[in-house]
Amino acid sequence: DFQWVQGDVCEVQLMVYNPMPFELRVETMGLLTSGVEFESLPAALSLPAESGLYPVTLVGVPRTTGQITVNGYHTSVFGVYSDCLLDNLPGLKNNGCTVDVIPALPRLQISTSLPRSAHSLQPSSDNVSTHVSVQLFNGETQKLLIKLENIGTEPLETLEVSSKTINNKEKLYGEFLIWDLEEALSQLPLKPGKTATFTVYIKVKLDFSCQENLLQDLNDDGISVSGLPVSSPFRHIVKPRLETKPVNPPESSKSSDFSHVKVSRSSSATLASITS
């Protein structure tokens, strides 16, 4: 089963052949329909001599909604106009093909300020989607600008954005995406050819402590992590230098006395390269 959309170009493919020993030129060929207002877009073709089966695609545009019946096709050959009805063709069990024409819907195209990802998820027929690639440090936030363009012929009345986690590690990722739709909603209804924008903030907050097989789990979800902790933060207690201790101690005491040594803190660095 299939449907046609009001205002969209629809097509029907036929198989024809030329049994004559000479080339046959068809000046015009188009569809014969009934039921709804239909604009047929005639085609012109040339059939080689004794061509055998030859595919021909006939197109048209339904202007109203409802049920349309394709009754056959019309041709003009050598200046003679002919109507070929399907019910006159042998071997056909019905008198035509009936198709439902549904109202036109808004068509939305999405683009982003970040480069597209080479690894994309399976697209959904229910949602408009795109895939981007971004590299962030753990704890960093990246701004993603999303542009929506109405490329159809109908105005866009409503807009809904949702976030779905494709794994069961919500406690690991936390609030990964944050957005504000006030700016985009203020531009609705979005007329054909117009654009609206809104901003999504990508927030990386991963917990690398006490996570068994963490790197493998992240890789399974399409997140690659490069770099390991350099060191862990630690603290040293330094005793103050005694007032009575000489500034230049004897050589014999230098090997065991470390009270004059300056101790500094070390920090850890972890780089998370995220591809979503």
Protein backbone atom coordinates (compact mmCIF):
# COMPACT_ATOMS: atom_id res chain seq x y z
CA ASP A 1 0.00 0.00 0.00
CA PHE A 2 1.15 3.55 -0.71
CA GLN A 3 -0.26 7.06 -0.79
CA TRP A 4 0.22 10.18 -2.83
CA VAL A 5 0.62 13.64 -1.31
CA GLN A 6 -1.33 16.68 -2.42
CA GLY A 7 0.90 19.03 -4.40
CA ASP A 8 3.77 16.53 -4.78
CA VAL A 9 4.89 15.00 -8.07
CA CYS A 10 3.65 11.40 -8.37
CA GLU A 11 4.65 8.84 -10.95
CA VAL A 12 3.38 5.70 -12.67
CA GLN A 13 5.67 3.38 -14.60
CA LEU A 14 4.47 1.52 -17.69
CA MET A 15 6.11 -1.11 -19.87
CA VAL A 16 5.49 -0.51 -23.60
CA TYR A 17 7.01 -1.88 -26.79
CA ASN A 18 7.20 -1.02 -30.48
CA PRO A 19 6.41 -4.00 -32.74
CA MET A 20 7.05 -1.98 -35.91
CA PRO A 21 10.25 -2.38 -37.98
CA PHE A 22 10.88 1.38 -37.75
CA GLU A 23 11.41 3.92 -34.97
CA LEU A 24 8.21 5.22 -33.42
CA ARG A 25 8.09 8.75 -32.09
CA VAL A 26 5.44 9.55 -29.45
CA GLU A 27 4.83 13.30 -29.33
CA THR A 28 2.90 13.26 -26.04
CA MET A 29 1.99 10.61 -23.50
CA GLY A 30 0.23 11.21 -20.18
CA LEU A 31 -2.02 9.69 -17.53
CA LEU A 32 -5.81 9.44 -17.61
CA THR A 33 -7.27 9.81 -14.11
CA SER A 34 -10.55 10.42 -12.30
CA GLY A 35 -11.66 11.22 -8.76
CA VAL A 36 -9.61 14.29 -7.80
CA GLU A 37 -8.15 17.25 -9.64
CA PHE A 38 -4.94 16.01 -11.27
CA GLU A 39 -2.39 17.87 -13.39
CA SER A 40 -0.82 15.45 -15.86
CA LEU A 41 2.69 16.27 -17.06
CA PRO A 42 2.97 14.74 -20.56
CA ALA A 43 6.15 13.06 -21.72
CA ALA A 44 7.69 12.61 -25.17
CA LEU A 45 9.65 9.53 -26.15
CA SER A 46 11.11 7.63 -29.04
CA LEU A 47 10.77 3.84 -29.25
CA PRO A 48 13.40 1.96 -31.28
CA ALA A 49 12.27 -0.45 -33.95
CA GLU A 50 11.11 -3.76 -32.50
CA SER A 51 12.19 -2.43 -29.12
CA GLY A 52 10.77 -5.11 -26.88
CA LEU A 53 9.58 -4.05 -23.43
CA TYR A 54 10.53 -0.43 -22.77
CA PRO A 55 10.00 1.35 -19.39
CA VAL A 56 8.16 4.68 -19.46
CA THR A 57 7.52 6.85 -16.40
CA LEU A 58 4.49 9.15 -16.47
CA VAL A 59 4.18 11.85 -13.81
CA GLY A 60 1.59 14.28 -12.53
CA VAL A 61 0.54 16.36 -9.53
CA PRO A 62 -2.70 15.78 -7.54
CA ARG A 63 -4.11 19.18 -6.62
CA THR A 64 -6.80 18.06 -4.15
CA THR A 65 -7.16 15.29 -1.56
CA GLY A 66 -9.30 12.17 -1.78
CA GLN A 67 -9.17 9.03 -3.91
CA ILE A 68 -7.74 9.12 -7.41
CA THR A 69 -8.12 6.35 -9.98
CA VAL A 70 -5.56 5.85 -12.74
CA ASN A 71 -7.73 4.74 -15.67
CA GLY A 72 -5.06 4.55 -18.35
CA TYR A 73 -2.96 6.80 -20.56
CA HIS A 74 -3.27 8.93 -23.68
CA THR A 75 -0.85 9.26 -26.58
CA SER A 76 -0.26 11.33 -29.68
CA VAL A 77 1.48 9.48 -32.53
CA PHE A 78 1.74 10.87 -36.07
CA GLY A 79 -0.71 13.58 -35.01
CA VAL A 80 -3.37 11.06 -33.98
CA TYR A 81 -4.62 11.27 -30.39
CA SER A 82 -5.57 8.01 -28.67
CA ASP A 83 -6.84 7.03 -25.23
CA CYS A 84 -5.77 3.64 -23.90
CA LEU A 85 -7.94 2.51 -20.98
CA LEU A 86 -6.76 -0.20 -18.62
CA ASP A 87 -10.09 -1.99 -18.76
CA ASN A 88 -9.50 -2.57 -22.49
CA LEU A 89 -6.20 -4.35 -21.87
CA PRO A 90 -6.35 -8.16 -21.72
CA GLY A 91 -5.12 -9.83 -18.55
CA LEU A 92 -6.09 -7.04 -16.14
CA LYS A 93 -8.57 -7.95 -13.41
CA ASN A 94 -9.58 -4.39 -12.49
CA ASN A 95 -10.50 -1.26 -14.38
CA GLY A 96 -7.86 0.95 -12.80
CA CYS A 97 -5.61 1.58 -9.85
CA THR A 98 -7.00 3.60 -6.91
CA VAL A 99 -4.66 5.65 -4.71
CA ASP A 100 -5.40 7.77 -1.62
CA VAL A 101 -4.21 11.38 -1.83
CA ILE A 102 -3.44 12.81 1.61
CA PRO A 103 -3.01 16.49 2.60
CA ALA A 104 0.44 18.00 2.29
CA LEU A 105 2.52 18.26 5.49
CA PRO A 106 5.30 20.69 6.40
CA ARG A 107 8.75 19.55 5.33
CA LEU A 108 11.58 20.36 7.72
CA GLN A 109 15.30 20.39 7.00
CA ILE A 110 17.81 20.49 9.86
CA SER A 111 21.41 21.73 9.87
CA THR A 112 23.89 22.35 12.70
CA SER A 113 26.93 24.47 13.48
CA LEU A 114 29.06 21.37 14.19
CA PRO A 115 30.49 18.96 11.58
CA ARG A 116 28.49 15.87 10.72
CA SER A 117 29.49 12.59 12.31
CA ALA A 118 30.87 9.76 10.19
CA HIS A 119 29.01 7.30 12.44
CA SER A 120 25.24 7.78 12.25
CA LEU A 121 22.43 5.90 13.92
CA GLN A 122 19.61 4.19 12.09
CA PRO A 123 17.29 7.00 10.92
CA SER A 124 13.73 7.04 12.18
CA SER A 125 10.78 7.62 9.86
CA ASP A 126 8.94 9.49 12.65
CA ASN A 127 11.62 12.08 13.44
CA VAL A 128 13.84 14.57 11.66
CA SER A 129 17.40 13.81 12.72
CA THR A 130 21.03 14.65 12.08
CA HIS A 131 24.31 13.48 13.61
CA VAL A 132 27.26 15.62 14.71
CA SER A 133 30.77 14.96 15.98
CA VAL A 134 32.34 16.87 18.86
CA GLN A 135 35.42 16.47 21.10
CA LEU A 136 35.24 17.77 24.66
CA PHE A 137 37.19 17.63 27.89
CA ASN A 138 35.41 16.05 30.81
CA GLY A 139 33.45 18.85 32.50
CA GLU A 140 33.41 21.04 29.38
CA THR A 141 30.24 22.43 27.75
CA GLN A 142 29.87 22.97 24.00
CA LYS A 143 27.24 25.15 22.33
CA LEU A 144 25.44 23.61 19.34
CA LEU A 145 23.39 25.88 17.09
CA ILE A 146 20.55 24.10 15.25
CA LYS A 147 18.85 25.68 12.24
CA LEU A 148 15.42 24.51 11.09
CA GLU A 149 14.26 25.37 7.57
CA ASN A 150 10.76 24.85 6.20
CA ILE A 151 11.42 23.49 2.69
CA GLY A 152 7.80 22.52 2.05
CA THR A 153 4.74 24.42 0.94
CA GLU A 154 2.83 24.33 4.24
CA PRO A 155 3.54 26.46 7.35
CA LEU A 156 5.03 24.75 10.41
CA GLU A 157 2.67 25.29 13.35
CA THR A 158 4.27 23.39 16.26
CA LEU A 159 7.74 22.26 17.29
CA GLU A 160 8.68 19.59 19.81
CA VAL A 161 12.20 18.56 20.85
CA SER A 162 12.90 15.54 23.03
CA SER A 163 15.98 13.74 24.32
CA LYS A 164 16.25 9.97 24.40
CA THR A 165 19.01 7.97 26.09
CA ILE A 166 19.96 4.89 24.08
CA ASN A 167 21.57 3.13 27.04
CA ASN A 168 20.86 2.47 30.70
CA LYS A 169 23.68 4.55 32.17
CA GLU A 170 21.81 7.77 32.96
CA LYS A 171 23.68 8.12 36.24
CA LEU A 172 26.91 8.17 34.26
CA TYR A 173 25.92 10.77 31.68
CA GLY A 174 23.60 12.93 33.78
CA GLU A 175 22.09 15.94 31.96
CA PHE A 176 23.92 15.50 28.68
CA LEU A 177 21.82 17.90 26.55
CA ILE A 178 20.19 21.18 27.63
CA TRP A 179 18.20 23.47 25.33
CA ASP A 180 15.86 26.46 25.33
CA LEU A 181 13.07 26.62 22.73
CA GLU A 182 11.74 30.09 23.57
CA GLU A 183 13.62 31.73 20.70
CA ALA A 184 12.49 29.11 18.16
CA LEU A 185 8.86 29.05 19.34
CA SER A 186 8.65 32.83 19.02
CA GLN A 187 9.24 32.42 15.26
CA LEU A 188 6.26 30.07 14.74
CA PRO A 189 4.29 29.58 12.58
CA LEU A 190 7.29 29.02 10.31
CA LYS A 191 6.28 29.91 6.76
CA PRO A 192 7.66 28.09 3.67
CA GLY A 193 11.24 29.12 2.96
CA LYS A 194 11.77 30.60 6.44
CA THR A 195 14.24 29.40 9.10
CA ALA A 196 14.27 29.21 12.89
CA THR A 197 17.20 28.55 15.22
CA PHE A 198 17.69 27.34 18.76
CA THR A 199 20.71 26.42 20.89
CA VAL A 200 21.56 23.09 22.48
CA TYR A 201 24.29 22.86 25.14
CA ILE A 202 26.28 19.61 25.21
CA LYS A 203 27.50 19.03 28.75
CA VAL A 204 30.07 16.31 29.45
CA LYS A 205 30.14 14.96 32.97
CA LEU A 206 31.59 11.45 33.22
CA ASP A 207 32.50 9.65 36.43
CA PHE A 208 35.70 7.67 35.89
CA SER A 209 35.99 6.41 39.47
CA CYS A 210 35.14 2.81 40.36
CA GLN A 211 33.64 2.02 36.96
CA GLU A 212 34.47 -1.48 35.76
CA ASN A 213 34.79 -1.81 31.99
CA LEU A 214 33.92 1.88 31.64
CA LEU A 215 35.92 2.47 28.47
CA GLN A 216 34.36 -0.55 26.77
CA ASP A 217 30.84 0.54 27.77
CA LEU A 218 31.43 4.03 26.40
CA ASN A 219 32.83 2.63 23.16
CA ASP A 220 29.75 0.42 22.75
CA ASP A 221 27.59 3.56 22.97
CA GLY A 222 29.59 5.42 20.33
CA ILE A 223 31.72 7.44 22.80
CA SER A 224 35.48 7.14 22.44
CA VAL A 225 37.75 8.17 25.33
CA SER A 226 41.42 8.95 24.70
CA GLY A 227 43.98 9.62 27.41
CA LEU A 228 44.33 8.21 30.92
CA PRO A 229 44.69 9.96 34.30
CA VAL A 230 48.23 11.29 34.68
CA SER A 231 48.14 11.09 38.46
CA SER A 232 45.72 11.41 41.34
CA PRO A 233 45.58 14.51 43.55
CA PHE A 234 47.38 14.06 46.82
CA ARG A 235 48.47 16.17 49.80
CA HIS A 236 51.70 16.36 51.78
CA ILE A 237 52.20 17.84 55.23
CA VAL A 238 55.38 19.89 55.46
CA LYS A 239 56.88 20.66 58.83
CA PRO A 240 58.13 24.22 59.30
CA ARG A 241 61.89 24.71 59.44
CA LEU A 242 63.22 25.04 62.96
CA GLU A 243 64.71 28.41 63.85
CA THR A 244 67.79 26.80 65.44
CA LYS A 245 68.62 24.68 62.37
CA PRO A 246 71.53 26.13 60.41
CA VAL A 247 70.89 27.35 56.91
CA ASN A 248 73.75 25.26 55.49
CA PRO A 249 73.70 21.93 57.35
CA PRO A 250 76.69 19.64 57.34
CA GLU A 251 77.12 17.22 54.46
CA SER A 252 76.43 14.27 56.76
CA SER A 253 72.91 15.48 57.58
CA LYS A 254 71.80 16.31 54.02
CA SER A 255 71.03 12.71 53.10
CA SER A 256 68.35 12.24 55.76
CA ASP A 257 66.90 15.71 56.34
CA PHE A 258 64.13 16.70 53.86
CA SER A 259 62.54 19.56 55.82
CA HIS A 260 63.93 22.10 53.37
CA VAL A 261 62.32 20.45 50.33
CA LYS A 262 59.43 22.31 48.66
CA VAL A 263 56.45 20.08 47.85
CA SER A 264 53.88 20.93 45.18
CA ARG A 265 50.49 19.45 44.35
CA SER A 266 49.94 17.33 41.30
CA SER A 267 46.68 17.18 39.42
CA SER A 268 44.92 14.70 37.20
CA ALA A 269 43.94 15.26 33.58
CA THR A 270 41.52 13.17 31.62
CA LEU A 271 40.59 13.92 28.02
CA ALA A 272 37.22 12.65 26.81
CA SER A 273 36.75 12.56 23.07
CA ILE A 274 33.00 12.20 22.51
CA THR A 275 31.38 11.25 19.25
CA SER A 276 27.58 11.25 19.32
